[in-house]
Amino acid sequence: KKKQSYETPGDEDNSDEESGVEETERDETIGRKWIWTAMDVPTRLLICFHVGNRELEDAGKHLVDLSERLVGIPMFTSDELVHYESVLKSIYSRKVEVLPTG
């Protein structure tokens, strides 16, 4: 595990011993999770959520769960994570046969 020291504001010139701040071991996995949420805007009800990483697999789990709870295609707003596009296409895209005209 990586050791990291913490400084208090204004103690930049002091050593850890002088400032009274001890070195502590820090678990690098703490604080590394993402809470994926889907909300119904008019009612502000939470439709579903997923706690995971910011990875393609987690985007897929969350959006598949959402698609199983809804009828139709929902409106999406996002932080533009690249994984959304591929997952949304795999869930909601379908081939539409175009009839010949003329």
N, C-alpha and C. Protein backbone atom coordinates (compact mmCIF):
# COMPACT_ATOMS: atom_id res chain seq x y z
N LYS A 1 0.83 -1.18 0.00
CA LYS A 1 0.00 0.00 0.00
C LYS A 1 0.87 1.24 0.00
N LYS A 2 0.40 2.26 -0.64
CA LYS A 2 1.14 3.50 -0.77
C LYS A 2 0.93 4.37 0.46
N LYS A 3 2.01 4.93 0.97
CA LYS A 3 1.89 5.86 2.09
C LYS A 3 1.80 7.27 1.55
N GLN A 4 0.94 8.05 2.16
CA GLN A 4 0.77 9.42 1.71
C GLN A 4 0.69 10.32 2.93
N SER A 5 1.35 11.45 2.88
CA SER A 5 1.25 12.38 4.00
C SER A 5 0.26 13.48 3.62
N TYR A 6 -0.36 14.03 4.63
CA TYR A 6 -1.37 15.06 4.43
C TYR A 6 -0.93 16.33 5.14
N GLU A 7 -1.04 17.46 4.48
CA GLU A 7 -0.68 18.74 5.08
C GLU A 7 -1.93 19.55 5.33
N THR A 8 -1.88 20.34 6.36
CA THR A 8 -2.97 21.27 6.61
C THR A 8 -2.63 22.58 5.95
N PRO A 9 -3.63 23.37 5.53
CA PRO A 9 -3.35 24.65 4.86
C PRO A 9 -2.46 25.53 5.72
N GLY A 10 -1.48 26.15 5.08
CA GLY A 10 -0.58 27.06 5.78
C GLY A 10 0.63 26.38 6.37
N ASP A 11 0.73 25.05 6.27
CA ASP A 11 1.86 24.32 6.83
C ASP A 11 2.84 23.84 5.77
N GLU A 12 2.88 24.52 4.63
CA GLU A 12 3.72 24.06 3.52
C GLU A 12 5.19 24.01 3.88
N ASP A 13 5.66 24.94 4.73
CA ASP A 13 7.07 25.00 5.05
C ASP A 13 7.45 24.12 6.23
N ASN A 14 6.48 23.55 6.93
CA ASN A 14 6.75 22.75 8.11
C ASN A 14 6.80 21.27 7.75
N SER A 15 7.58 20.52 8.51
CA SER A 15 7.61 19.07 8.29
C SER A 15 6.38 18.45 8.93
N ASP A 16 6.13 17.16 8.65
CA ASP A 16 4.98 16.47 9.22
C ASP A 16 5.08 16.41 10.74
N GLU A 17 6.30 16.24 11.25
CA GLU A 17 6.47 16.16 12.70
C GLU A 17 6.07 17.47 13.37
N GLU A 18 6.45 18.60 12.78
CA GLU A 18 6.14 19.90 13.36
C GLU A 18 4.66 20.22 13.28
N SER A 19 4.00 19.81 12.21
CA SER A 19 2.59 20.14 12.03
C SER A 19 1.67 19.18 12.76
N GLY A 20 2.20 18.05 13.22
CA GLY A 20 1.39 17.09 13.95
C GLY A 20 0.59 16.18 13.03
N VAL A 21 0.85 16.19 11.75
CA VAL A 21 0.12 15.35 10.80
C VAL A 21 0.92 14.07 10.59
N GLU A 22 0.29 12.93 10.80
CA GLU A 22 0.96 11.65 10.66
C GLU A 22 0.80 11.11 9.25
N GLU A 23 1.76 10.28 8.85
CA GLU A 23 1.61 9.56 7.59
C GLU A 23 0.63 8.43 7.82
N THR A 24 -0.31 8.25 6.90
CA THR A 24 -1.29 7.17 7.02
C THR A 24 -1.28 6.36 5.75
N GLU A 25 -1.65 5.10 5.90
CA GLU A 25 -1.79 4.26 4.72
C GLU A 25 -3.15 4.51 4.11
N ARG A 26 -3.19 4.60 2.80
CA ARG A 26 -4.43 4.92 2.11
C ARG A 26 -4.78 3.81 1.13
N ASP A 27 -5.99 3.31 1.22
CA ASP A 27 -6.46 2.28 0.30
C ASP A 27 -6.84 2.98 -1.01
N GLU A 28 -6.14 2.66 -2.09
CA GLU A 28 -6.35 3.34 -3.37
C GLU A 28 -7.71 3.04 -4.01
N THR A 29 -8.42 2.01 -3.52
CA THR A 29 -9.73 1.72 -4.10
C THR A 29 -10.84 2.56 -3.48
N ILE A 30 -10.57 3.19 -2.34
CA ILE A 30 -11.59 4.03 -1.69
C ILE A 30 -11.80 5.28 -2.52
N GLY A 31 -13.05 5.59 -2.78
CA GLY A 31 -13.38 6.79 -3.54
C GLY A 31 -13.28 6.62 -5.03
N ARG A 32 -13.14 5.41 -5.50
CA ARG A 32 -12.97 5.17 -6.94
C ARG A 32 -14.23 4.63 -7.60
N LYS A 33 -15.35 4.66 -6.94
CA LYS A 33 -16.59 4.13 -7.50
C LYS A 33 -17.43 5.25 -8.09
N TRP A 34 -18.33 4.87 -8.98
CA TRP A 34 -19.21 5.80 -9.68
C TRP A 34 -20.64 5.36 -9.41
N ILE A 35 -21.53 6.29 -9.13
CA ILE A 35 -22.94 5.95 -8.95
C ILE A 35 -23.68 6.35 -10.22
N TRP A 36 -24.10 5.35 -10.96
CA TRP A 36 -24.86 5.55 -12.19
C TRP A 36 -26.33 5.69 -11.77
N THR A 37 -27.01 6.73 -12.22
CA THR A 37 -28.41 6.93 -11.85
C THR A 37 -29.26 7.22 -13.07
N ALA A 38 -30.52 6.87 -12.97
CA ALA A 38 -31.52 7.20 -13.99
C ALA A 38 -32.73 7.76 -13.26
N MET A 39 -33.16 8.95 -13.67
CA MET A 39 -34.22 9.64 -12.96
C MET A 39 -35.35 10.01 -13.91
N ASP A 40 -36.58 9.90 -13.41
CA ASP A 40 -37.75 10.39 -14.12
C ASP A 40 -37.84 11.88 -13.80
N VAL A 41 -37.63 12.72 -14.80
CA VAL A 41 -37.54 14.16 -14.56
C VAL A 41 -38.82 14.76 -13.99
N PRO A 42 -40.01 14.49 -14.57
CA PRO A 42 -41.21 15.14 -14.03
C PRO A 42 -41.49 14.83 -12.56
N THR A 43 -41.26 13.58 -12.15
CA THR A 43 -41.58 13.20 -10.77
C THR A 43 -40.35 13.21 -9.85
N ARG A 44 -39.17 13.30 -10.45
CA ARG A 44 -37.89 13.24 -9.73
C ARG A 44 -37.70 11.93 -8.98
N LEU A 45 -38.33 10.89 -9.47
CA LEU A 45 -38.16 9.56 -8.87
C LEU A 45 -36.95 8.88 -9.49
N LEU A 46 -36.20 8.17 -8.66
CA LEU A 46 -35.06 7.41 -9.13
C LEU A 46 -35.57 6.10 -9.73
N ILE A 47 -35.30 5.88 -11.00
CA ILE A 47 -35.77 4.67 -11.69
C ILE A 47 -34.87 3.49 -11.36
N CYS A 48 -33.57 3.70 -11.46
CA CYS A 48 -32.61 2.66 -11.12
C CYS A 48 -31.25 3.29 -10.87
N PHE A 49 -30.36 2.51 -10.25
CA PHE A 49 -28.99 2.98 -10.03
C PHE A 49 -28.05 1.78 -10.07
N HIS A 50 -26.79 2.08 -10.25
CA HIS A 50 -25.75 1.04 -10.27
C HIS A 50 -24.48 1.66 -9.68
N VAL A 51 -23.86 0.97 -8.74
CA VAL A 51 -22.59 1.43 -8.17
C VAL A 51 -21.49 0.60 -8.80
N GLY A 52 -20.57 1.26 -9.46
CA GLY A 52 -19.49 0.54 -10.14
C GLY A 52 -18.40 1.48 -10.57
N ASN A 53 -17.71 1.11 -11.62
CA ASN A 53 -16.62 1.91 -12.16
C ASN A 53 -17.12 2.68 -13.38
N ARG A 54 -16.28 3.54 -13.93
CA ARG A 54 -16.62 4.25 -15.16
C ARG A 54 -16.09 3.45 -16.35
N GLU A 55 -16.63 2.26 -16.52
CA GLU A 55 -16.18 1.35 -17.56
C GLU A 55 -17.35 0.94 -18.44
N LEU A 56 -17.05 0.40 -19.61
CA LEU A 56 -18.06 -0.05 -20.55
C LEU A 56 -18.99 -1.07 -19.93
N GLU A 57 -18.46 -2.02 -19.19
CA GLU A 57 -19.27 -3.06 -18.56
C GLU A 57 -20.30 -2.46 -17.60
N ASP A 58 -19.90 -1.48 -16.82
CA ASP A 58 -20.82 -0.85 -15.87
C ASP A 58 -21.87 -0.02 -16.58
N ALA A 59 -21.49 0.67 -17.64
CA ALA A 59 -22.46 1.42 -18.44
C ALA A 59 -23.50 0.46 -19.00
N GLY A 60 -23.05 -0.68 -19.48
CA GLY A 60 -23.96 -1.68 -20.02
C GLY A 60 -24.93 -2.22 -18.98
N LYS A 61 -24.41 -2.56 -17.80
CA LYS A 61 -25.28 -3.08 -16.74
C LYS A 61 -26.36 -2.08 -16.36
N HIS A 62 -25.97 -0.83 -16.21
CA HIS A 62 -26.92 0.21 -15.81
C HIS A 62 -27.97 0.46 -16.89
N LEU A 63 -27.54 0.60 -18.13
CA LEU A 63 -28.48 0.93 -19.20
C LEU A 63 -29.37 -0.25 -19.58
N VAL A 64 -28.88 -1.47 -19.45
CA VAL A 64 -29.74 -2.64 -19.68
C VAL A 64 -30.81 -2.70 -18.58
N ASP A 65 -30.42 -2.46 -17.34
CA ASP A 65 -31.39 -2.42 -16.24
C ASP A 65 -32.45 -1.36 -16.51
N LEU A 66 -32.03 -0.19 -16.93
CA LEU A 66 -32.97 0.89 -17.24
C LEU A 66 -33.91 0.49 -18.37
N SER A 67 -33.37 -0.09 -19.44
CA SER A 67 -34.21 -0.45 -20.59
C SER A 67 -35.25 -1.50 -20.24
N GLU A 68 -34.94 -2.37 -19.27
CA GLU A 68 -35.90 -3.39 -18.85
C GLU A 68 -37.02 -2.82 -17.99
N ARG A 69 -36.84 -1.62 -17.47
CA ARG A 69 -37.85 -1.00 -16.61
C ARG A 69 -38.74 -0.02 -17.37
N LEU A 70 -38.39 0.32 -18.60
CA LEU A 70 -39.11 1.35 -19.35
C LEU A 70 -39.81 0.78 -20.57
N VAL A 71 -40.81 1.50 -21.02
CA VAL A 71 -41.45 1.22 -22.30
C VAL A 71 -41.06 2.37 -23.21
N GLY A 72 -40.52 2.09 -24.37
CA GLY A 72 -40.11 3.14 -25.28
C GLY A 72 -38.65 3.53 -25.09
N ILE A 73 -38.26 4.58 -25.79
CA ILE A 73 -36.88 5.05 -25.75
C ILE A 73 -36.83 6.33 -24.92
N PRO A 74 -36.05 6.34 -23.85
CA PRO A 74 -35.99 7.52 -22.99
C PRO A 74 -35.08 8.61 -23.57
N MET A 75 -35.18 9.81 -23.02
CA MET A 75 -34.27 10.90 -23.36
C MET A 75 -33.06 10.79 -22.44
N PHE A 76 -31.86 10.95 -23.00
CA PHE A 76 -30.64 10.84 -22.22
C PHE A 76 -29.91 12.16 -22.20
N THR A 77 -29.40 12.53 -21.04
CA THR A 77 -28.40 13.59 -20.91
C THR A 77 -27.23 12.96 -20.17
N SER A 78 -26.03 13.37 -20.48
CA SER A 78 -24.88 12.71 -19.88
C SER A 78 -23.69 13.65 -19.79
N ASP A 79 -22.62 13.12 -19.23
CA ASP A 79 -21.34 13.83 -19.17
C ASP A 79 -20.45 13.46 -20.36
N GLU A 80 -21.03 12.87 -21.39
CA GLU A 80 -20.37 12.51 -22.64
C GLU A 80 -19.29 11.43 -22.50
N LEU A 81 -19.46 10.54 -21.54
CA LEU A 81 -18.56 9.39 -21.43
C LEU A 81 -18.70 8.57 -22.72
N VAL A 82 -17.59 8.17 -23.30
CA VAL A 82 -17.61 7.51 -24.61
C VAL A 82 -18.38 6.19 -24.61
N HIS A 83 -18.52 5.55 -23.47
CA HIS A 83 -19.18 4.25 -23.42
C HIS A 83 -20.68 4.32 -23.69
N TYR A 84 -21.30 5.45 -23.43
CA TYR A 84 -22.75 5.56 -23.61
C TYR A 84 -23.15 5.26 -25.05
N GLU A 85 -22.44 5.80 -26.00
CA GLU A 85 -22.82 5.65 -27.41
C GLU A 85 -22.92 4.19 -27.83
N SER A 86 -21.90 3.40 -27.54
CA SER A 86 -21.93 2.01 -27.99
C SER A 86 -23.01 1.20 -27.26
N VAL A 87 -23.19 1.45 -25.97
CA VAL A 87 -24.21 0.71 -25.22
C VAL A 87 -25.60 1.12 -25.67
N LEU A 88 -25.84 2.40 -25.84
CA LEU A 88 -27.17 2.86 -26.29
C LEU A 88 -27.50 2.31 -27.68
N LYS A 89 -26.51 2.30 -28.56
CA LYS A 89 -26.73 1.74 -29.90
C LYS A 89 -27.08 0.26 -29.82
N SER A 90 -26.40 -0.48 -28.96
CA SER A 90 -26.67 -1.92 -28.87
C SER A 90 -28.05 -2.21 -28.27
N ILE A 91 -28.54 -1.34 -27.40
CA ILE A 91 -29.84 -1.56 -26.77
C ILE A 91 -30.98 -1.07 -27.63
N TYR A 92 -30.86 0.14 -28.17
CA TYR A 92 -32.00 0.80 -28.80
C TYR A 92 -31.98 0.84 -30.33
N SER A 93 -30.87 0.49 -30.97
CA SER A 93 -30.88 0.57 -32.43
C SER A 93 -31.55 -0.66 -33.03
N ARG A 94 -32.17 -0.46 -34.14
CA ARG A 94 -32.78 -1.57 -34.86
C ARG A 94 -32.76 -1.23 -36.35
N LYS A 95 -32.72 -2.26 -37.14
CA LYS A 95 -32.68 -2.08 -38.58
C LYS A 95 -34.09 -1.77 -39.07
N VAL A 96 -34.21 -0.70 -39.82
CA VAL A 96 -35.51 -0.30 -40.37
C VAL A 96 -35.43 -0.47 -41.89
N GLU A 97 -36.33 -1.29 -42.41
CA GLU A 97 -36.34 -1.52 -43.85
C GLU A 97 -37.00 -0.32 -44.53
N VAL A 98 -36.31 0.23 -45.50
CA VAL A 98 -36.81 1.37 -46.25
C VAL A 98 -37.51 0.85 -47.51
N LEU A 99 -38.76 1.20 -47.66
CA LEU A 99 -39.51 0.77 -48.84
C LEU A 99 -39.10 1.60 -50.05
N PRO A 100 -38.98 0.95 -51.22
CA PRO A 100 -38.62 1.71 -52.41
C PRO A 100 -39.72 2.69 -52.79
N THR A 101 -39.33 3.83 -53.28
CA THR A 101 -40.29 4.84 -53.72
C THR A 101 -40.19 5.04 -55.22
N GLY A 102 -41.20 5.66 -55.76
CA GLY A 102 -41.14 6.10 -57.12
C GLY A 102 -41.64 5.19 -58.11
